[in-house]
PDB file of N, CA and C in Angstrom:
ATOM      1  N   MET A   1     -53.860 -16.696-100.346  1.00  0.00           N
ATOM      2  CA  MET A   1     -54.266 -16.119 -99.169  1.00  0.00           C
ATOM      3  C   MET A   1     -54.677 -14.511 -99.874  1.00  0.00           C
ATOM      4  N   ASP A   2     -56.249 -14.214 -99.814  1.00  0.00           N
ATOM      5  CA  ASP A   2     -56.868 -13.416 -99.496  1.00  0.00           C
ATOM      6  C   ASP A   2     -56.508 -11.700 -99.547  1.00  0.00           C
ATOM      7  N   SER A   3     -56.356 -12.130 -97.862  1.00  0.00           N
ATOM      8  CA  SER A   3     -55.727 -10.803 -97.031  1.00  0.00           C
ATOM      9  C   SER A   3     -54.242 -10.130 -98.122  1.00  0.00           C
ATOM     10  N   MET A   4     -53.761 -11.323 -98.598  1.00  0.00           N
ATOM     11  CA  MET A   4     -52.245 -10.598 -99.302  1.00  0.00           C
ATOM     12  C   MET A   4     -52.328 -10.058-100.067  1.00  0.00           C
ATOM     13  N   SER A   5     -53.827  -9.746-101.123  1.00  0.00           N
ATOM     14  CA  SER A   5     -53.563  -8.593-101.402  1.00  0.00           C
ATOM     15  C   SER A   5     -54.128  -7.134-100.661  1.00  0.00           C
ATOM     16  N   LYS A   6     -54.485  -7.211 -99.720  1.00  0.00           N
ATOM     17  CA  LYS A   6     -54.746  -5.812 -98.801  1.00  0.00           C
ATOM     18  C   LYS A   6     -53.019  -5.487 -98.325  1.00  0.00           C
ATOM     19  N   ILE A   7     -52.077  -6.075 -98.468  1.00  0.00           N
ATOM     20  CA  ILE A   7     -50.262  -5.613 -98.160  1.00  0.00           C
ATOM     21  C   ILE A   7     -50.760  -4.557 -99.052  1.00  0.00           C
ATOM     22  N   ARG A   8     -49.986  -3.401 -98.060  1.00  0.00           N
ATOM     23  CA  ARG A   8     -50.097  -1.884 -99.097  1.00  0.00           C
ATOM     24  C   ARG A   8     -48.461  -1.034 -98.301  1.00  0.00           C
ATOM     25  N   GLU A   9     -48.290  -0.488 -99.147  1.00  0.00           N
ATOM     26  CA  GLU A   9     -46.732  -0.060 -98.546  1.00  0.00           C
ATOM     27  C   GLU A   9     -46.974   1.086 -97.782  1.00  0.00           C
ATOM     28  N   HIS A  10     -45.988   1.161 -96.665  1.00  0.00           N
ATOM     29  CA  HIS A  10     -46.260   2.106 -95.320  1.00  0.00           C
ATOM     30  C   HIS A  10     -47.246   1.475 -94.499  1.00  0.00           C
ATOM     31  N   MET A  11     -47.700  -0.274 -94.449  1.00  0.00           N
ATOM     32  CA  MET A  11     -48.366  -0.585 -93.401  1.00  0.00           C
ATOM     33  C   MET A  11     -47.899  -1.231 -92.210  1.00  0.00           C
ATOM     34  N   GLU A  12     -47.529  -1.064 -91.330  1.00  0.00           N
ATOM     35  CA  GLU A  12     -47.155  -0.855 -90.382  1.00  0.00           C
ATOM     36  C   GLU A  12     -47.029  -2.471 -89.607  1.00  0.00           C
ATOM     37  N   VAL A  13     -45.757  -3.626 -89.676  1.00  0.00           N
ATOM     38  CA  VAL A  13     -45.656  -5.202 -89.723  1.00  0.00           C
ATOM     39  C   VAL A  13     -45.906  -5.455 -88.552  1.00  0.00           C
ATOM     40  N   LEU A  14     -46.552  -5.946 -87.399  1.00  0.00           N
ATOM     41  CA  LEU A  14     -46.102  -6.182 -85.985  1.00  0.00           C
ATOM     42  C   LEU A  14     -46.532  -7.924 -85.694  1.00  0.00           C
ATOM     43  N   ALA A  15     -45.480  -8.005 -84.913  1.00  0.00           N
ATOM     44  CA  ALA A  15     -45.137  -9.679 -84.681  1.00  0.00           C
ATOM     45  C   ALA A  15     -46.440 -10.112 -83.618  1.00  0.00           C
ATOM     46  N   SER A  16     -46.357 -11.240 -83.230  1.00  0.00           N
ATOM     47  CA  SER A  16     -47.502 -12.125 -82.730  1.00  0.00           C
ATOM     48  C   SER A  16     -47.936 -11.814 -81.200  1.00  0.00           C
ATOM     49  N   ASP A  17     -46.087 -10.584 -80.865  1.00  0.00           N
ATOM     50  CA  ASP A  17     -46.023  -9.732 -79.455  1.00  0.00           C
ATOM     51  C   ASP A  17     -46.900  -8.989 -79.068  1.00  0.00           C
ATOM     52  N   GLY A  18     -47.225  -8.253 -80.407  1.00  0.00           N
ATOM     53  CA  GLY A  18     -47.695  -7.231 -80.675  1.00  0.00           C
ATOM     54  C   GLY A  18     -46.514  -6.154 -80.812  1.00  0.00           C
ATOM     55  N   GLN A  19     -45.574  -6.736 -80.691  1.00  0.00           N
ATOM     56  CA  GLN A  19     -44.770  -5.627 -81.311  1.00  0.00           C
ATOM     57  C   GLN A  19     -44.383  -5.314 -82.551  1.00  0.00           C
ATOM     58  N   HIS A  20     -43.620  -3.535 -82.995  1.00  0.00           N
ATOM     59  CA  HIS A  20     -43.120  -3.472 -84.445  1.00  0.00           C
ATOM     60  C   HIS A  20     -41.901  -3.628 -84.651  1.00  0.00           C
ATOM     61  N   VAL A  21     -42.424  -4.211 -85.938  1.00  0.00           N
ATOM     62  CA  VAL A  21     -41.194  -5.349 -86.899  1.00  0.00           C
ATOM     63  C   VAL A  21     -40.483  -4.614 -88.263  1.00  0.00           C
ATOM     64  N   GLY A  22     -41.432  -2.938 -88.364  1.00  0.00           N
ATOM     65  CA  GLY A  22     -40.845  -2.949 -89.460  1.00  0.00           C
ATOM     66  C   GLY A  22     -42.211  -2.201 -90.600  1.00  0.00           C
ATOM     67  N   THR A  23     -41.605  -1.536 -91.411  1.00  0.00           N
ATOM     68  CA  THR A  23     -42.901  -0.743 -91.991  1.00  0.00           C
ATOM     69  C   THR A  23     -42.971  -1.771 -93.922  1.00  0.00           C
ATOM     70  N   VAL A  24     -43.832  -1.769 -94.020  1.00  0.00           N
ATOM     71  CA  VAL A  24     -43.586  -2.822 -95.944  1.00  0.00           C
ATOM     72  C   VAL A  24     -43.109  -1.593 -96.605  1.00  0.00           C
ATOM     73  N   ASP A  25     -42.282  -1.889 -97.257  1.00  0.00           N
ATOM     74  CA  ASP A  25     -41.762  -1.137 -98.474  1.00  0.00           C
ATOM     75  C   ASP A  25     -42.745  -1.596-100.088  1.00  0.00           C
ATOM     76  N   HIS A  26     -42.565  -2.928-100.001  1.00  0.00           N
ATOM     77  CA  HIS A  26     -43.614  -3.070-101.062  1.00  0.00           C
ATOM     78  C   HIS A  26     -43.221  -5.086-100.943  1.00  0.00           C
ATOM     79  N   MET A  27     -44.137  -5.572-102.450  1.00  0.00           N
ATOM     80  CA  MET A  27     -44.367  -7.012-102.371  1.00  0.00           C
ATOM     81  C   MET A  27     -42.776  -7.528-103.217  1.00  0.00           C
ATOM     82  N   GLU A  28     -42.300  -8.011-102.669  1.00  0.00           N
ATOM     83  CA  GLU A  28     -40.951  -8.373-103.336  1.00  0.00           C
ATOM     84  C   GLU A  28     -41.366 -10.356-103.843  1.00  0.00           C
ATOM     85  N   GLY A  29     -41.759  -9.679-105.380  1.00  0.00           N
ATOM     86  CA  GLY A  29     -42.343 -11.393-105.543  1.00  0.00           C
ATOM     87  C   GLY A  29     -43.715 -11.375-104.888  1.00  0.00           C
ATOM     88  N   ALA A  30     -44.522 -12.988-105.226  1.00  0.00           N
ATOM     89  CA  ALA A  30     -45.240 -13.174-105.026  1.00  0.00           C
ATOM     90  C   ALA A  30     -45.508 -13.810-103.419  1.00  0.00           C
ATOM     91  N   ASP A  31     -44.351 -14.007-103.351  1.00  0.00           N
ATOM     92  CA  ASP A  31     -44.248 -14.691-101.999  1.00  0.00           C
ATOM     93  C   ASP A  31     -43.348 -13.807-100.480  1.00  0.00           C
ATOM     94  N   LYS A  32     -42.930 -12.992-100.453  1.00  0.00           N
ATOM     95  CA  LYS A  32     -42.164 -12.034 -99.560  1.00  0.00           C
ATOM     96  C   LYS A  32     -42.525 -10.388 -99.842  1.00  0.00           C
ATOM     97  N   ILE A  33     -42.516  -9.973 -98.091  1.00  0.00           N
ATOM     98  CA  ILE A  33     -42.733  -8.713 -97.873  1.00  0.00           C
ATOM     99  C   ILE A  33     -40.885  -8.058 -97.692  1.00  0.00           C
ATOM    100  N   LYS A  34     -41.112  -7.066 -98.476  1.00  0.00           N
ATOM    101  CA  LYS A  34     -39.612  -6.143 -97.782  1.00  0.00           C
ATOM    102  C   LYS A  34     -40.052  -4.760 -97.419  1.00  0.00           C
ATOM    103  N   LEU A  35     -39.271  -4.703 -96.247  1.00  0.00           N
ATOM    104  CA  LEU A  35     -39.668  -3.977 -95.034  1.00  0.00           C
ATOM    105  C   LEU A  35     -38.587  -2.651 -95.861  1.00  0.00           C
ATOM    106  N   THR A  36     -39.019  -1.520 -95.114  1.00  0.00           N
ATOM    107  CA  THR A  36     -38.282   0.069 -95.773  1.00  0.00           C
ATOM    108  C   THR A  36     -36.326  -0.331 -94.605  1.00  0.00           C
ATOM    109  N   LYS A  37     -35.959   0.467 -95.237  1.00  0.00           N
ATOM    110  CA  LYS A  37     -35.005   0.468 -94.905  1.00  0.00           C
ATOM    111  C   LYS A  37     -34.474   1.475 -93.945  1.00  0.00           C
ATOM    112  N   SER A  38     -35.888   2.514 -94.004  1.00  0.00           N
ATOM    113  CA  SER A  38     -35.849   3.892 -93.261  1.00  0.00           C
ATOM    114  C   SER A  38     -36.441   4.021 -91.835  1.00  0.00           C
ATOM    115  N   ASP A  39     -37.173   2.524 -91.682  1.00  0.00           N
ATOM    116  CA  ASP A  39     -37.853   2.275 -90.341  1.00  0.00           C
ATOM    117  C   ASP A  39     -36.936   1.978 -89.480  1.00  0.00           C
ATOM    118  N   PRO A  40     -37.023   2.297 -88.012  1.00  0.00           N
ATOM    119  CA  PRO A  40     -35.921   2.565 -87.141  1.00  0.00           C
ATOM    120  C   PRO A  40     -35.748   1.247 -86.750  1.00  0.00           C
ATOM    121  N   SER A  41     -36.222   0.501 -86.525  1.00  0.00           N
ATOM    122  CA  SER A  41     -36.630  -1.479 -86.567  1.00  0.00           C
ATOM    123  C   SER A  41     -35.376  -2.022 -87.622  1.00  0.00           C
ATOM    124  N   SER A  42     -35.144  -0.974 -88.464  1.00  0.00           N
ATOM    125  CA  SER A  42     -34.784  -1.906 -89.514  1.00  0.00           C
ATOM    126  C   SER A  42     -32.759  -1.839 -89.795  1.00  0.00           C
ATOM    127  N   SER A  43     -32.475  -1.382 -88.688  1.00  0.00           N
ATOM    128  CA  SER A  43     -30.805  -1.000 -88.250  1.00  0.00           C
ATOM    129  C   SER A  43     -30.459  -0.366 -89.836  1.00  0.00           C
ATOM    130  N   GLY A  44     -30.907   0.330 -90.750  1.00  0.00           N
ATOM    131  CA  GLY A  44     -31.023   0.907 -92.300  1.00  0.00           C
ATOM    132  C   GLY A  44     -30.700  -0.083 -93.109  1.00  0.00           C
ATOM    133  N   GLN A  45     -31.086  -1.182 -93.235  1.00  0.00           N
ATOM    134  CA  GLN A  45     -31.021  -1.748 -94.269  1.00  0.00           C
ATOM    135  C   GLN A  45     -32.421  -2.900 -94.643  1.00  0.00           C
ATOM    136  N   HIS A  46     -32.798  -3.010 -96.023  1.00  0.00           N
ATOM    137  CA  HIS A  46     -33.964  -3.477 -96.213  1.00  0.00           C
ATOM    138  C   HIS A  46     -33.855  -5.180 -95.518  1.00  0.00           C
ATOM    139  N   HIS A  47     -35.236  -5.632 -95.234  1.00  0.00           N
ATOM    140  CA  HIS A  47     -35.459  -6.934 -94.402  1.00  0.00           C
ATOM    141  C   HIS A  47     -36.631  -7.672 -95.591  1.00  0.00           C
ATOM    142  N   LEU A  48     -36.348  -9.098 -95.782  1.00  0.00           N
ATOM    143  CA  LEU A  48     -37.252  -9.443 -96.462  1.00  0.00           C
ATOM    144  C   LEU A  48     -38.427 -10.873 -95.030  1.00  0.00           C
ATOM    145  N   ILE A  49     -39.501 -10.372 -95.090  1.00  0.00           N
ATOM    146  CA  ILE A  49     -40.320 -11.509 -94.859  1.00  0.00           C
ATOM    147  C   ILE A  49     -41.436 -12.117 -95.546  1.00  0.00           C
ATOM    148  N   PRO A  50     -41.114 -13.782 -95.232  1.00  0.00           N
ATOM    149  CA  PRO A  50     -41.960 -14.711 -95.957  1.00  0.00           C
ATOM    150  C   PRO A  50     -43.749 -14.447 -96.000  1.00  0.00           C
ATOM    151  N   ILE A  51     -44.406 -14.842 -97.148  1.00  0.00           N
ATOM    152  CA  ILE A  51     -45.696 -14.402 -96.306  1.00  0.00           C
ATOM    153  C   ILE A  51     -46.206 -15.501 -95.936  1.00  0.00           C
ATOM    154  N   GLY A  52     -45.061 -16.497 -95.800  1.00  0.00           N
ATOM    155  CA  GLY A  52     -45.817 -17.742 -95.021  1.00  0.00           C
ATOM    156  C   GLY A  52     -46.104 -17.794 -93.399  1.00  0.00           C
ATOM    157  N   TRP A  53     -45.182 -16.420 -93.221  1.00  0.00           N
ATOM    158  CA  TRP A  53     -45.090 -15.545 -91.731  1.00  0.00           C
ATOM    159  C   TRP A  53     -46.716 -14.745 -91.438  1.00  0.00           C
ATOM    160  N   VAL A  54     -47.198 -14.375 -92.358  1.00  0.00           N
ATOM    161  CA  VAL A  54     -48.309 -13.488 -91.917  1.00  0.00           C
ATOM    162  C   VAL A  54     -49.528 -13.920 -91.373  1.00  0.00           C
ATOM    163  N   HIS A  55     -50.422 -13.866 -90.422  1.00  0.00           N
ATOM    164  CA  HIS A  55     -51.201 -14.291 -90.339  1.00  0.00           C
ATOM    165  C   HIS A  55     -52.409 -13.908 -90.562  1.00  0.00           C
ATOM    166  N   HIS A  56     -52.676 -12.507 -90.696  1.00  0.00           N
ATOM    167  CA  HIS A  56     -53.773 -11.360 -90.893  1.00  0.00           C
ATOM    168  C   HIS A  56     -53.513 -10.486 -91.339  1.00  0.00           C
ATOM    169  N   VAL A  57     -53.851  -9.842 -91.738  1.00  0.00           N
ATOM    170  CA  VAL A  57     -54.155  -8.515 -92.242  1.00  0.00           C
ATOM    171  C   VAL A  57     -55.148  -7.413 -92.164  1.00  0.00           C
ATOM    172  N   ASP A  58     -54.791  -6.391 -91.652  1.00  0.00           N
ATOM    173  CA  ASP A  58     -56.381  -5.646 -91.223  1.00  0.00           C
ATOM    174  C   ASP A  58     -55.413  -4.154 -91.982  1.00  0.00           C
ATOM    175  N   THR A  59     -55.798  -2.867 -90.799  1.00  0.00           N
ATOM    176  CA  THR A  59     -55.338  -2.187 -91.441  1.00  0.00           C
ATOM    177  C   THR A  59     -53.439  -2.374 -90.892  1.00  0.00           C
ATOM    178  N   HIS A  60     -52.602  -3.699 -90.362  1.00  0.00           N
ATOM    179  CA  HIS A  60     -51.658  -3.748 -89.916  1.00  0.00           C
ATOM    180  C   HIS A  60     -51.638  -5.325 -90.398  1.00  0.00           C
ATOM    181  N   VAL A  61     -50.243  -5.018 -90.727  1.00  0.00           N
ATOM    182  CA  VAL A  61     -49.917  -6.658 -91.082  1.00  0.00           C
ATOM    183  C   VAL A  61     -49.317  -7.501 -90.208  1.00  0.00           C
ATOM    184  N   HIS A  62     -50.178  -8.629 -89.920  1.00  0.00           N
ATOM    185  CA  HIS A  62     -50.040  -9.181 -88.145  1.00  0.00           C
ATOM    186  C   HIS A  62     -49.327 -10.535 -88.724  1.00  0.00           C
ATOM    187  N   LEU A  63     -47.956 -11.390 -87.945  1.00  0.00           N
ATOM    188  CA  LEU A  63     -46.937 -11.923 -87.911  1.00  0.00           C
ATOM    189  C   LEU A  63     -47.234 -13.280 -87.104  1.00  0.00           C
ATOM    190  N   THR A  64     -46.744 -14.751 -87.486  1.00  0.00           N
ATOM    191  CA  THR A  64     -47.411 -15.573 -86.477  1.00  0.00           C
ATOM    192  C   THR A  64     -46.067 -15.916 -85.818  1.00  0.00           C
ATOM    193  N   LYS A  65     -44.890 -15.017 -85.530  1.00  0.00           N
ATOM    194  CA  LYS A  65     -44.095 -15.211 -84.902  1.00  0.00           C
ATOM    195  C   LYS A  65     -43.253 -14.144 -84.287  1.00  0.00           C
ATOM    196  N   ASN A  66     -43.115 -13.885 -82.933  1.00  0.00           N
ATOM    197  CA  ASN A  66     -42.613 -12.797 -82.032  1.00  0.00           C
ATOM    198  C   ASN A  66     -41.693 -12.626 -82.675  1.00  0.00           C
ATOM    199  N   ARG A  67     -40.829 -11.156 -82.261  1.00  0.00           N
ATOM    200  CA  ARG A  67     -40.349 -10.417 -82.517  1.00  0.00           C
ATOM    201  C   ARG A  67     -39.078 -10.804 -83.023  1.00  0.00           C
ATOM    202  N   GLN A  68     -38.917 -11.691 -81.662  1.00  0.00           N
ATOM    203  CA  GLN A  68     -37.563 -11.909 -81.194  1.00  0.00           C
ATOM    204  C   GLN A  68     -37.230 -13.451 -82.702  1.00  0.00           C
ATOM    205  N   GLU A  69     -38.161 -14.026 -82.736  1.00  0.00           N
ATOM    206  CA  GLU A  69     -38.054 -15.628 -83.884  1.00  0.00           C
ATOM    207  C   GLU A  69     -38.361 -14.489 -85.160  1.00  0.00           C
ATOM    208  N   VAL A  70     -38.513 -13.156 -85.865  1.00  0.00           N
ATOM    209  CA  VAL A  70     -38.687 -12.734 -86.391  1.00  0.00           C
ATOM    210  C   VAL A  70     -37.212 -11.906 -86.990  1.00  0.00           C
ATOM    211  N   THR A  71     -36.514 -11.290 -86.250  1.00  0.00           N
ATOM    212  CA  THR A  71     -35.702 -10.110 -86.324  1.00  0.00           C
ATOM    213  C   THR A  71     -34.161 -11.569 -86.165  1.00  0.00           C
ATOM    214  N   GLN A  72     -34.535 -12.750 -85.992  1.00  0.00           N
ATOM    215  CA  GLN A  72     -33.541 -13.790 -86.120  1.00  0.00           C
ATOM    216  C   GLN A  72     -33.620 -14.103 -87.205  1.00  0.00           C
ATOM    217  N   SER A  73     -34.441 -14.357 -87.845  1.00  0.00           N
ATOM    218  CA  SER A  73     -34.954 -15.256 -88.738  1.00  0.00           C
ATOM    219  C   SER A  73     -35.143 -14.887 -90.489  1.00  0.00           C
ATOM    220  N   TRP A  74     -35.315 -13.375 -90.340  1.00  0.00           N
ATOM    221  CA  TRP A  74     -35.296 -12.143 -91.011  1.00  0.00           C
ATOM    222  C   TRP A  74     -34.483 -12.565 -92.184  1.00  0.00           C
ATOM    223  N   GLU A  75     -34.601 -12.577 -93.867  1.00  0.00           N
ATOM    224  CA  GLU A  75     -33.252 -12.386 -94.605  1.00  0.00           C
ATOM    225  C   GLU A  75     -33.381 -10.947 -95.093  1.00  0.00           C
ATOM    226  N   HIS A  76     -31.630 -10.685 -94.631  1.00  0.00           N
ATOM    227  CA  HIS A  76     -31.216  -9.343 -94.806  1.00  0.00           C
ATOM    228  C   HIS A  76     -31.494  -8.850 -96.540  1.00  0.00           C
ATOM    229  N   VAL A  77     -31.365  -8.225 -96.735  1.00  0.00           N
ATOM    230  CA  VAL A  77     -31.329  -7.282 -98.344  1.00  0.00           C
ATOM    231  C   VAL A  77     -30.067  -6.213 -98.510  1.00  0.00           C
ATOM    232  N   ALA A  78     -28.935  -6.687 -99.109  1.00  0.00           N
ATOM    233  CA  ALA A  78     -27.918  -5.183 -99.293  1.00  0.00           C
ATOM    234  C   ALA A  78     -28.187  -4.472-100.013  1.00  0.00           C
TER     235      ALA A  78
END
């Protein structure tokens, strides 16, 4: 996916319902986005989101899942 190369640090990540779910910290390998733990939505810890959830990237990272689906399924990082 060409849009994956557009993902940058500090980009806002939006769920399919338009709700904020986090801020990009960096890419974790080639297939996951690591979210910052300093974002108010993070509860003070990093979370990983699979690249497969990304619908498209413009000035934000837009996901195919709604906020509830994302927060129930994202991977927690200690």
